[in-house]
Every structure is written in C-alpha cells, then in structure tokens.
Amino acid sequence: FKETCSSKQILTDFRFNLTHWDMPEEMRVETMELCVTACEKFATNNESAAKMIKESMDKKFGSSWHVVIGEGFGFEVTHEVKNLLYMFFGGSLAVCVWKCS
C-alpha cells in the first residue's frame, strides 16, 4: 500500500514510505509524524526512538503498543483491528507500530 498525504508539511517531504497500515486517518497521520520525529531525534539510537514512540502511543491511544525499528527484519504480528502501521524512514529504516493487549 502507498498513499500520498498532503495535509501536513512533514508528510509531503518524502522522507518516509508508508508501506502498510490498518489505522484511521487521523491516528495514522499522528503516528507517522511521531515516527519521523523520533527517528530524527534519535538517529543513532533505535531503542530510544522506539521507546519514545511506544510511550507516546500508550499515552495518546491507550496501552499496549509495541514498536520495532531497524533494518533488515521480517515480522508477523497479531494486532488489534485499526491499530497497525508499517513504514520506512530515510530509505532503509523500517518502523513497525502495533497495538496488542
């Protein structure tokens, strides 16, 4: 899946590639912005970026969110309906965010 979003400046600069999602539009936009911010802030520390994303998602959308950030991994997860986002940032850095209680 690919989608071009022009509602916010951060979503029009093509630093990311939204690969797959099952998430309402407003939540998806907020999650993508959060992922970009975290990956930029912690460019050399994926664990800190994942922690920032997870804690923010838990606070904003309730627990239990999970986040994986890295290059070269496969995944298969069980997630709650309307609570999954998978994207690439900066070319090769993958970010997978999902909720599973």
PDB file of N, CA and C in Angstrom:
ATOM      1  N   PHE A   1       0.837  -1.171   0.000  1.00  0.00           N
ATOM      2  CA  PHE A   1       0.000   0.000   0.000  1.00  0.00           C
ATOM      3  C   PHE A   1       0.883   1.235   0.000  1.00  0.00           C
ATOM      4  N   LYS A   2       0.493   2.244  -0.744  1.00  0.00           N
ATOM      5  CA  LYS A   2       1.189   3.520  -0.708  1.00  0.00           C
ATOM      6  C   LYS A   2       0.146   4.619  -0.749  1.00  0.00           C
ATOM      7  N   GLU A   3       0.417   5.674  -0.043  1.00  0.00           N
ATOM      8  CA  GLU A   3      -0.518   6.783  -0.033  1.00  0.00           C
ATOM      9  C   GLU A   3       0.261   8.076   0.071  1.00  0.00           C
ATOM     10  N   THR A   4      -0.159   9.076  -0.664  1.00  0.00           N
ATOM     11  CA  THR A   4       0.442  10.390  -0.568  1.00  0.00           C
ATOM     12  C   THR A   4      -0.475  11.258   0.267  1.00  0.00           C
ATOM     13  N   CYS A   5       0.060  11.809   1.337  1.00  0.00           N
ATOM     14  CA  CYS A   5      -0.720  12.671   2.211  1.00  0.00           C
ATOM     15  C   CYS A   5      -0.171  14.080   2.085  1.00  0.00           C
ATOM     16  N   SER A   6      -1.021  15.047   1.850  1.00  0.00           N
ATOM     17  CA  SER A   6      -0.547  16.415   1.723  1.00  0.00           C
ATOM     18  C   SER A   6      -1.126  17.320   2.793  1.00  0.00           C
ATOM     19  N   SER A   7      -1.767  16.755   3.802  1.00  0.00           N
ATOM     20  CA  SER A   7      -2.425  17.578   4.806  1.00  0.00           C
ATOM     21  C   SER A   7      -1.448  18.272   5.744  1.00  0.00           C
ATOM     22  N   LYS A   8      -0.257  17.761   5.868  1.00  0.00           N
ATOM     23  CA  LYS A   8       0.734  18.371   6.747  1.00  0.00           C
ATOM     24  C   LYS A   8       2.079  18.385   6.031  1.00  0.00           C
ATOM     25  N   GLN A   9       2.864  19.423   6.300  1.00  0.00           N
ATOM     26  CA  GLN A   9       4.148  19.582   5.615  1.00  0.00           C
ATOM     27  C   GLN A   9       5.051  18.368   5.801  1.00  0.00           C
ATOM     28  N   ILE A  10       5.102  17.835   7.005  1.00  0.00           N
ATOM     29  CA  ILE A  10       6.000  16.719   7.277  1.00  0.00           C
ATOM     30  C   ILE A  10       5.665  15.511   6.404  1.00  0.00           C
ATOM     31  N   LEU A  11       4.428  15.416   5.947  1.00  0.00           N
ATOM     32  CA  LEU A  11       4.011  14.271   5.161  1.00  0.00           C
ATOM     33  C   LEU A  11       4.225  14.469   3.668  1.00  0.00           C
ATOM     34  N   THR A  12       4.733  15.629   3.272  1.00  0.00           N
ATOM     35  CA  THR A  12       4.916  15.889   1.853  1.00  0.00           C
ATOM     36  C   THR A  12       6.380  15.979   1.454  1.00  0.00           C
ATOM     37  N   ASP A  13       7.283  15.740   2.386  1.00  0.00           N
ATOM     38  CA  ASP A  13       8.693  15.883   2.042  1.00  0.00           C
ATOM     39  C   ASP A  13       9.350  14.565   1.644  1.00  0.00           C
ATOM     40  N   PHE A  14       8.596  13.500   1.611  1.00  0.00           N
ATOM     41  CA  PHE A  14       9.037  12.210   1.081  1.00  0.00           C
ATOM     42  C   PHE A  14      10.238  11.617   1.817  1.00  0.00           C
ATOM     43  N   ARG A  15      10.352  11.865   3.123  1.00  0.00           N
ATOM     44  CA  ARG A  15      11.387  11.219   3.923  1.00  0.00           C
ATOM     45  C   ARG A  15      10.951   9.826   4.349  1.00  0.00           C
ATOM     46  N   PHE A  16       9.714   9.479   4.079  1.00  0.00           N
ATOM     47  CA  PHE A  16       9.200   8.194   4.514  1.00  0.00           C
ATOM     48  C   PHE A  16       8.414   7.534   3.394  1.00  0.00           C
ATOM     49  N   ASN A  17       8.227   6.233   3.539  1.00  0.00           N
ATOM     50  CA  ASN A  17       7.410   5.457   2.610  1.00  0.00           C
ATOM     51  C   ASN A  17       6.450   4.631   3.454  1.00  0.00           C
ATOM     52  N   LEU A  18       5.194   4.977   3.423  1.00  0.00           N
ATOM     53  CA  LEU A  18       4.180   4.241   4.160  1.00  0.00           C
ATOM     54  C   LEU A  18       3.879   2.957   3.398  1.00  0.00           C
ATOM     55  N   THR A  19       4.209   1.822   4.004  1.00  0.00           N
ATOM     56  CA  THR A  19       4.121   0.535   3.335  1.00  0.00           C
ATOM     57  C   THR A  19       2.790  -0.166   3.577  1.00  0.00           C
ATOM     58  N   HIS A  20       2.348  -0.193   4.812  1.00  0.00           N
ATOM     59  CA  HIS A  20       1.091  -0.879   5.151  1.00  0.00           C
ATOM     60  C   HIS A  20       0.509  -0.246   6.403  1.00  0.00           C
ATOM     61  N   TRP A  21      -0.807  -0.176   6.448  1.00  0.00           N
ATOM     62  CA  TRP A  21      -1.463   0.341   7.636  1.00  0.00           C
ATOM     63  C   TRP A  21      -2.862  -0.227   7.758  1.00  0.00           C
ATOM     64  N   ASP A  22      -3.307  -0.302   8.986  1.00  0.00           N
ATOM     65  CA  ASP A  22      -4.694  -0.594   9.333  1.00  0.00           C
ATOM     66  C   ASP A  22      -4.973   0.336  10.505  1.00  0.00           C
ATOM     67  N   MET A  23      -5.336   1.587  10.174  1.00  0.00           N
ATOM     68  CA  MET A  23      -5.416   2.637  11.170  1.00  0.00           C
ATOM     69  C   MET A  23      -6.271   3.779  10.618  1.00  0.00           C
ATOM     70  N   PRO A  24      -7.119   4.384  11.454  1.00  0.00           N
ATOM     71  CA  PRO A  24      -7.886   5.543  10.988  1.00  0.00           C
ATOM     72  C   PRO A  24      -6.949   6.678  10.555  1.00  0.00           C
ATOM     73  N   GLU A  25      -7.403   7.500   9.627  1.00  0.00           N
ATOM     74  CA  GLU A  25      -6.538   8.528   9.034  1.00  0.00           C
ATOM     75  C   GLU A  25      -5.907   9.459  10.065  1.00  0.00           C
ATOM     76  N   GLU A  26      -6.682   9.984  10.990  1.00  0.00           N
ATOM     77  CA  GLU A  26      -6.127  10.918  11.975  1.00  0.00           C
ATOM     78  C   GLU A  26      -5.038  10.256  12.811  1.00  0.00           C
ATOM     79  N   MET A  27      -5.286   9.032  13.265  1.00  0.00           N
ATOM     80  CA  MET A  27      -4.291   8.298  14.041  1.00  0.00           C
ATOM     81  C   MET A  27      -3.065   8.003  13.186  1.00  0.00           C
ATOM     82  N   ARG A  28      -3.275   7.632  11.924  1.00  0.00           N
ATOM     83  CA  ARG A  28      -2.166   7.326  11.015  1.00  0.00           C
ATOM     84  C   ARG A  28      -1.269   8.543  10.826  1.00  0.00           C
ATOM     85  N   VAL A  29      -1.854   9.711  10.603  1.00  0.00           N
ATOM     86  CA  VAL A  29      -1.070  10.934  10.411  1.00  0.00           C
ATOM     87  C   VAL A  29      -0.262  11.245  11.671  1.00  0.00           C
ATOM     88  N   GLU A  30      -0.902  11.170  12.837  1.00  0.00           N
ATOM     89  CA  GLU A  30      -0.195  11.438  14.094  1.00  0.00           C
ATOM     90  C   GLU A  30       0.929  10.433  14.323  1.00  0.00           C
ATOM     91  N   THR A  31       0.676   9.174  14.013  1.00  0.00           N
ATOM     92  CA  THR A  31       1.687   8.135  14.214  1.00  0.00           C
ATOM     93  C   THR A  31       2.870   8.327  13.274  1.00  0.00           C
ATOM     94  N   MET A  32       2.603   8.646  12.013  1.00  0.00           N
ATOM     95  CA  MET A  32       3.699   8.898  11.066  1.00  0.00           C
ATOM     96  C   MET A  32       4.537  10.087  11.509  1.00  0.00           C
ATOM     97  N   GLU A  33       3.895  11.162  11.937  1.00  0.00           N
ATOM     98  CA  GLU A  33       4.632  12.337  12.410  1.00  0.00           C
ATOM     99  C   GLU A  33       5.490  11.984  13.616  1.00  0.00           C
ATOM    100  N   LEU A  34       4.933  11.215  14.537  1.00  0.00           N
ATOM    101  CA  LEU A  34       5.667  10.788  15.723  1.00  0.00           C
ATOM    102  C   LEU A  34       6.874   9.935  15.341  1.00  0.00           C
ATOM    103  N   CYS A  35       6.692   9.011  14.406  1.00  0.00           N
ATOM    104  CA  CYS A  35       7.791   8.146  13.966  1.00  0.00           C
ATOM    105  C   CYS A  35       8.913   8.954  13.323  1.00  0.00           C
ATOM    106  N   VAL A  36       8.565   9.899  12.472  1.00  0.00           N
ATOM    107  CA  VAL A  36       9.572  10.744  11.827  1.00  0.00           C
ATOM    108  C   VAL A  36      10.320  11.554  12.880  1.00  0.00           C
ATOM    109  N   THR A  37       9.594  12.162  13.811  1.00  0.00           N
ATOM    110  CA  THR A  37      10.218  12.963  14.866  1.00  0.00           C
ATOM    111  C   THR A  37      11.173  12.122  15.705  1.00  0.00           C
ATOM    112  N   ALA A  38      10.730  10.945  16.126  1.00  0.00           N
ATOM    113  CA  ALA A  38      11.560  10.076  16.967  1.00  0.00           C
ATOM    114  C   ALA A  38      12.799   9.592  16.222  1.00  0.00           C
ATOM    115  N   CYS A  39      12.637   9.214  14.955  1.00  0.00           N
ATOM    116  CA  CYS A  39      13.776   8.716  14.177  1.00  0.00           C
ATOM    117  C   CYS A  39      14.788   9.824  13.894  1.00  0.00           C
ATOM    118  N   GLU A  40      14.320  11.054  13.748  1.00  0.00           N
ATOM    119  CA  GLU A  40      15.242  12.176  13.572  1.00  0.00           C
ATOM    120  C   GLU A  40      15.936  12.517  14.882  1.00  0.00           C
ATOM    121  N   LYS A  41      15.186  12.559  15.975  1.00  0.00           N
ATOM    122  CA  LYS A  41      15.745  12.919  17.276  1.00  0.00           C
ATOM    123  C   LYS A  41      16.773  11.897  17.750  1.00  0.00           C
ATOM    124  N   PHE A  42      16.503  10.625  17.512  1.00  0.00           N
ATOM    125  CA  PHE A  42      17.394   9.554  17.963  1.00  0.00           C
ATOM    126  C   PHE A  42      17.969   8.810  16.756  1.00  0.00           C
ATOM    127  N   ALA A  43      18.573   9.549  15.849  1.00  0.00           N
ATOM    128  CA  ALA A  43      19.068   8.981  14.585  1.00  0.00           C
ATOM    129  C   ALA A  43      20.076   7.853  14.789  1.00  0.00           C
ATOM    130  N   THR A  44      20.794   7.860  15.889  1.00  0.00           N
ATOM    131  CA  THR A  44      21.808   6.828  16.122  1.00  0.00           C
ATOM    132  C   THR A  44      21.408   5.854  17.228  1.00  0.00           C
ATOM    133  N   ASN A  45      20.157   5.922  17.683  1.00  0.00           N
ATOM    134  CA  ASN A  45      19.731   5.063  18.782  1.00  0.00           C
ATOM    135  C   ASN A  45      18.286   4.596  18.555  1.00  0.00           C
ATOM    136  N   ASN A  46      18.143   3.475  17.873  1.00  0.00           N
ATOM    137  CA  ASN A  46      16.808   2.948  17.561  1.00  0.00           C
ATOM    138  C   ASN A  46      16.005   2.590  18.806  1.00  0.00           C
ATOM    139  N   GLU A  47      16.688   2.134  19.860  1.00  0.00           N
ATOM    140  CA  GLU A  47      15.977   1.784  21.092  1.00  0.00           C
ATOM    141  C   GLU A  47      15.302   3.001  21.706  1.00  0.00           C
ATOM    142  N   SER A  48      16.008   4.125  21.734  1.00  0.00           N
ATOM    143  CA  SER A  48      15.426   5.352  22.287  1.00  0.00           C
ATOM    144  C   SER A  48      14.277   5.852  21.423  1.00  0.00           C
ATOM    145  N   ALA A  49      14.417   5.741  20.110  1.00  0.00           N
ATOM    146  CA  ALA A  49      13.338   6.151  19.204  1.00  0.00           C
ATOM    147  C   ALA A  49      12.108   5.277  19.433  1.00  0.00           C
ATOM    148  N   ALA A  50      12.314   3.961  19.546  1.00  0.00           N
ATOM    149  CA  ALA A  50      11.196   3.040  19.783  1.00  0.00           C
ATOM    150  C   ALA A  50      10.518   3.336  21.119  1.00  0.00           C
ATOM    151  N   LYS A  51      11.320   3.620  22.135  1.00  0.00           N
ATOM    152  CA  LYS A  51      10.768   3.937  23.455  1.00  0.00           C
ATOM    153  C   LYS A  51       9.925   5.209  23.399  1.00  0.00           C
ATOM    154  N   MET A  52      10.411   6.232  22.698  1.00  0.00           N
ATOM    155  CA  MET A  52       9.661   7.480  22.571  1.00  0.00           C
ATOM    156  C   MET A  52       8.321   7.238  21.872  1.00  0.00           C
ATOM    157  N   ILE A  53       8.353   6.464  20.793  1.00  0.00           N
ATOM    158  CA  ILE A  53       7.125   6.171  20.047  1.00  0.00           C
ATOM    159  C   ILE A  53       6.148   5.378  20.912  1.00  0.00           C
ATOM    160  N   LYS A  54       6.629   4.320  21.556  1.00  0.00           N
ATOM    161  CA  LYS A  54       5.765   3.473  22.381  1.00  0.00           C
ATOM    162  C   LYS A  54       5.122   4.263  23.516  1.00  0.00           C
ATOM    163  N   GLU A  55       5.925   5.037  24.241  1.00  0.00           N
ATOM    164  CA  GLU A  55       5.393   5.796  25.370  1.00  0.00           C
ATOM    165  C   GLU A  55       4.374   6.840  24.913  1.00  0.00           C
ATOM    166  N   SER A  56       4.639   7.480  23.783  1.00  0.00           N
ATOM    167  CA  SER A  56       3.704   8.478  23.251  1.00  0.00           C
ATOM    168  C   SER A  56       2.400   7.832  22.792  1.00  0.00           C
ATOM    169  N   MET A  57       2.504   6.683  22.124  1.00  0.00           N
ATOM    170  CA  MET A  57       1.306   5.975  21.655  1.00  0.00           C
ATOM    171  C   MET A  57       0.480   5.466  22.841  1.00  0.00           C
ATOM    172  N   ASP A  58       1.148   4.913  23.861  1.00  0.00           N
ATOM    173  CA  ASP A  58       0.441   4.447  25.056  1.00  0.00           C
ATOM    174  C   ASP A  58      -0.326   5.592  25.713  1.00  0.00           C
ATOM    175  N   LYS A  59       0.309   6.746  25.798  1.00  0.00           N
ATOM    176  CA  LYS A  59      -0.317   7.901  26.441  1.00  0.00           C
ATOM    177  C   LYS A  59      -1.485   8.437  25.612  1.00  0.00           C
ATOM    178  N   LYS A  60      -1.292   8.536  24.305  1.00  0.00           N
ATOM    179  CA  LYS A  60      -2.299   9.140  23.428  1.00  0.00           C
ATOM    180  C   LYS A  60      -3.458   8.190  23.117  1.00  0.00           C
ATOM    181  N   PHE A  61      -3.140   6.900  22.876  1.00  0.00           N
ATOM    182  CA  PHE A  61      -4.150   5.957  22.391  1.00  0.00           C
ATOM    183  C   PHE A  61      -4.387   4.772  23.331  1.00  0.00           C
ATOM    184  N   GLY A  62      -3.861   4.827  24.545  1.00  0.00           N
ATOM    185  CA  GLY A  62      -4.017   3.734  25.500  1.00  0.00           C
ATOM    186  C   GLY A  62      -2.994   2.632  25.259  1.00  0.00           C
ATOM    187  N   SER A  63      -2.709   1.835  26.312  1.00  0.00           N
ATOM    188  CA  SER A  63      -1.716   0.775  26.154  1.00  0.00           C
ATOM    189  C   SER A  63      -2.373  -0.411  25.446  1.00  0.00           C
ATOM    190  N   SER A  64      -1.739  -1.296  24.903  1.00  0.00           N
ATOM    191  CA  SER A  64      -0.375  -1.755  24.914  1.00  0.00           C
ATOM    192  C   SER A  64       0.194  -1.712  23.492  1.00  0.00           C
ATOM    193  N   TRP A  65       0.984  -0.673  23.206  1.00  0.00           N
ATOM    194  CA  TRP A  65       1.605  -0.508  21.894  1.00  0.00           C
ATOM    195  C   TRP A  65       2.976  -1.158  21.878  1.00  0.00           C
ATOM    196  N   HIS A  66       3.379  -1.625  20.716  1.00  0.00           N
ATOM    197  CA  HIS A  66       4.674  -2.262  20.509  1.00  0.00           C
ATOM    198  C   HIS A  66       5.330  -1.591  19.313  1.00  0.00           C
ATOM    199  N   VAL A  67       6.655  -1.453  19.363  1.00  0.00           N
ATOM    200  CA  VAL A  67       7.387  -0.762  18.301  1.00  0.00           C
ATOM    201  C   VAL A  67       8.672  -1.518  18.001  1.00  0.00           C
ATOM    202  N   VAL A  68       8.930  -1.739  16.720  1.00  0.00           N
ATOM    203  CA  VAL A  68      10.196  -2.315  16.270  1.00  0.00           C
ATOM    204  C   VAL A  68      10.768  -1.363  15.231  1.00  0.00           C
ATOM    205  N   ILE A  69      12.045  -1.009  15.398  1.00  0.00           N
ATOM    206  CA  ILE A  69      12.738  -0.132  14.453  1.00  0.00           C
ATOM    207  C   ILE A  69      14.051  -0.802  14.077  1.00  0.00           C
ATOM    208  N   GLY A  70      14.344  -0.854  12.784  1.00  0.00           N
ATOM    209  CA  GLY A  70      15.614  -1.429  12.359  1.00  0.00           C
ATOM    210  C   GLY A  70      15.674  -1.622  10.861  1.00  0.00           C
ATOM    211  N   GLU A  71      16.763  -2.229  10.423  1.00  0.00           N
ATOM    212  CA  GLU A  71      16.973  -2.535   9.011  1.00  0.00           C
ATOM    213  C   GLU A  71      17.061  -4.046   8.856  1.00  0.00           C
ATOM    214  N   GLY A  72      16.414  -4.574   7.857  1.00  0.00           N
ATOM    215  CA  GLY A  72      16.554  -5.987   7.528  1.00  0.00           C
ATOM    216  C   GLY A  72      15.890  -6.938   8.501  1.00  0.00           C
ATOM    217  N   PHE A  73      14.604  -6.804   8.720  1.00  0.00           N
ATOM    218  CA  PHE A  73      13.895  -7.777   9.543  1.00  0.00           C
ATOM    219  C   PHE A  73      12.548  -8.100   8.905  1.00  0.00           C
ATOM    220  N   GLY A  74      12.086  -9.295   9.168  1.00  0.00           N
ATOM    221  CA  GLY A  74      10.741  -9.686   8.766  1.00  0.00           C
ATOM    222  C   GLY A  74       9.885  -9.729  10.015  1.00  0.00           C
ATOM    223  N   PHE A  75       8.591  -9.714   9.836  1.00  0.00           N
ATOM    224  CA  PHE A  75       7.734  -9.779  11.014  1.00  0.00           C
ATOM    225  C   PHE A  75       6.372 -10.343  10.649  1.00  0.00           C
ATOM    226  N   GLU A  76       5.755 -10.914  11.630  1.00  0.00           N
ATOM    227  CA  GLU A  76       4.365 -11.368  11.550  1.00  0.00           C
ATOM    228  C   GLU A  76       3.809 -11.145  12.945  1.00  0.00           C
ATOM    229  N   VAL A  77       2.831 -10.269  13.082  1.00  0.00           N
ATOM    230  CA  VAL A  77       2.311  -9.930  14.398  1.00  0.00           C
ATOM    231  C   VAL A  77       0.793 -10.044  14.417  1.00  0.00           C
ATOM    232  N   THR A  78       0.279 -10.293  15.601  1.00  0.00           N
ATOM    233  CA  THR A  78      -1.152 -10.198  15.841  1.00  0.00           C
ATOM    234  C   THR A  78      -1.401  -8.797  16.373  1.00  0.00           C
ATOM    235  N   HIS A  79      -2.381  -8.117  15.780  1.00  0.00           N
ATOM    236  CA  HIS A  79      -2.652  -6.748  16.224  1.00  0.00           C
ATOM    237  C   HIS A  79      -4.148  -6.530  16.319  1.00  0.00           C
ATOM    238  N   GLU A  80      -4.513  -5.554  17.124  1.00  0.00           N
ATOM    239  CA  GLU A  80      -5.916  -5.179  17.209  1.00  0.00           C
ATOM    240  C   GLU A  80      -6.321  -4.500  15.907  1.00  0.00           C
ATOM    241  N   VAL A  81      -7.567  -4.685  15.513  1.00  0.00           N
ATOM    242  CA  VAL A  81      -8.080  -4.065  14.292  1.00  0.00           C
ATOM    243  C   VAL A  81      -7.912  -2.551  14.387  1.00  0.00           C
ATOM    244  N   LYS A  82      -7.476  -1.951  13.290  1.00  0.00           N
ATOM    245  CA  LYS A  82      -7.275  -0.497  13.178  1.00  0.00           C
ATOM    246  C   LYS A  82      -6.137   0.012  14.055  1.00  0.00           C
ATOM    247  N   ASN A  83      -5.123  -0.823  14.297  1.00  0.00           N
ATOM    248  CA  ASN A  83      -4.016  -0.433  15.170  1.00  0.00           C
ATOM    249  C   ASN A  83      -2.675  -0.965  14.674  1.00  0.00           C
ATOM    250  N   LEU A  84      -2.358  -0.742  13.394  1.00  0.00           N
ATOM    251  CA  LEU A  84      -1.085  -1.193  12.826  1.00  0.00           C
ATOM    252  C   LEU A  84      -0.591  -0.173  11.814  1.00  0.00           C
ATOM    253  N   LEU A  85       0.726   0.099  11.863  1.00  0.00           N
ATOM    254  CA  LEU A  85       1.361   0.949  10.862  1.00  0.00           C
ATOM    255  C   LEU A  85       2.768   0.415  10.607  1.00  0.00           C
ATOM    256  N   TYR A  86       3.139   0.311   9.332  1.00  0.00           N
ATOM    257  CA  TYR A  86       4.470  -0.146   8.931  1.00  0.00           C
ATOM    258  C   TYR A  86       4.973   0.824   7.878  1.00  0.00           C
ATOM    259  N   MET A  87       6.133   1.420   8.132  1.00  0.00           N
ATOM    260  CA  MET A  87       6.673   2.422   7.219  1.00  0.00           C
ATOM    261  C   MET A  87       8.191   2.339   7.183  1.00  0.00           C
ATOM    262  N   PHE A  88       8.772   2.948   6.165  1.00  0.00           N
ATOM    263  CA  PHE A  88      10.216   3.110   6.075  1.00  0.00           C
ATOM    264  C   PHE A  88      10.538   4.580   6.222  1.00  0.00           C
ATOM    265  N   PHE A  89      11.622   4.863   6.933  1.00  0.00           N
ATOM    266  CA  PHE A  89      12.072   6.233   7.136  1.00  0.00           C
ATOM    267  C   PHE A  89      13.484   6.369   6.579  1.00  0.00           C
ATOM    268  N   GLY A  90      13.719   7.399   5.813  1.00  0.00           N
ATOM    269  CA  GLY A  90      15.060   7.671   5.297  1.00  0.00           C
ATOM    270  C   GLY A  90      15.592   6.587   4.385  1.00  0.00           C
ATOM    271  N   GLY A  91      14.733   5.845   3.748  1.00  0.00           N
ATOM    272  CA  GLY A  91      15.165   4.831   2.788  1.00  0.00           C
ATOM    273  C   GLY A  91      15.119   3.419   3.302  1.00  0.00           C
ATOM    274  N   SER A  92      15.941   3.083   4.304  1.00  0.00           N
ATOM    275  CA  SER A  92      16.065   1.677   4.699  1.00  0.00           C
ATOM    276  C   SER A  92      15.692   1.383   6.150  1.00  0.00           C
ATOM    277  N   LEU A  93      15.352   2.388   6.927  1.00  0.00           N
ATOM    278  CA  LEU A  93      15.000   2.169   8.329  1.00  0.00           C
ATOM    279  C   LEU A  93      13.501   1.881   8.433  1.00  0.00           C
ATOM    280  N   ALA A  94      13.172   0.660   8.828  1.00  0.00           N
ATOM    281  CA  ALA A  94      11.767   0.257   8.943  1.00  0.00           C
ATOM    282  C   ALA A  94      11.249   0.540  10.348  1.00  0.00           C
ATOM    283  N   VAL A  95       9.986   0.948  10.419  1.00  0.00           N
ATOM    284  CA  VAL A  95       9.316   1.195  11.694  1.00  0.00           C
ATOM    285  C   VAL A  95       7.979   0.466  11.655  1.00  0.00           C
ATOM    286  N   CYS A  96       7.775  -0.420  12.603  1.00  0.00           N
ATOM    287  CA  CYS A  96       6.506  -1.134  12.717  1.00  0.00           C
ATOM    288  C   CYS A  96       5.911  -0.816  14.089  1.00  0.00           C
ATOM    289  N   VAL A  97       4.674  -0.328  14.079  1.00  0.00           N
ATOM    290  CA  VAL A  97       3.977   0.066  15.303  1.00  0.00           C
ATOM    291  C   VAL A  97       2.640  -0.673  15.323  1.00  0.00           C
ATOM    292  N   TRP A  98       2.350  -1.374  16.418  1.00  0.00           N
ATOM    293  CA  TRP A  98       1.073  -2.072  16.504  1.00  0.00           C
ATOM    294  C   TRP A  98       0.618  -2.170  17.951  1.00  0.00           C
ATOM    295  N   LYS A  99      -0.679  -2.346  18.102  1.00  0.00           N
ATOM    296  CA  LYS A  99      -1.271  -2.485  19.429  1.00  0.00           C
ATOM    297  C   LYS A  99      -1.822  -3.892  19.573  1.00  0.00           C
ATOM    298  N   CYS A 100      -1.486  -4.513  20.698  1.00  0.00           N
ATOM    299  CA  CYS A 100      -1.990  -5.848  21.008  1.00  0.00           C
ATOM    300  C   CYS A 100      -2.042  -5.963  22.523  1.00  0.00           C
ATOM    301  N   SER A 101      -3.239  -6.021  23.060  1.00  0.00           N
ATOM    302  CA  SER A 101      -3.397  -6.077  24.522  1.00  0.00           C
ATOM    303  C   SER A 101      -3.273  -7.496  25.030  1.00  0.00           C
TER     304      SER A 101
END
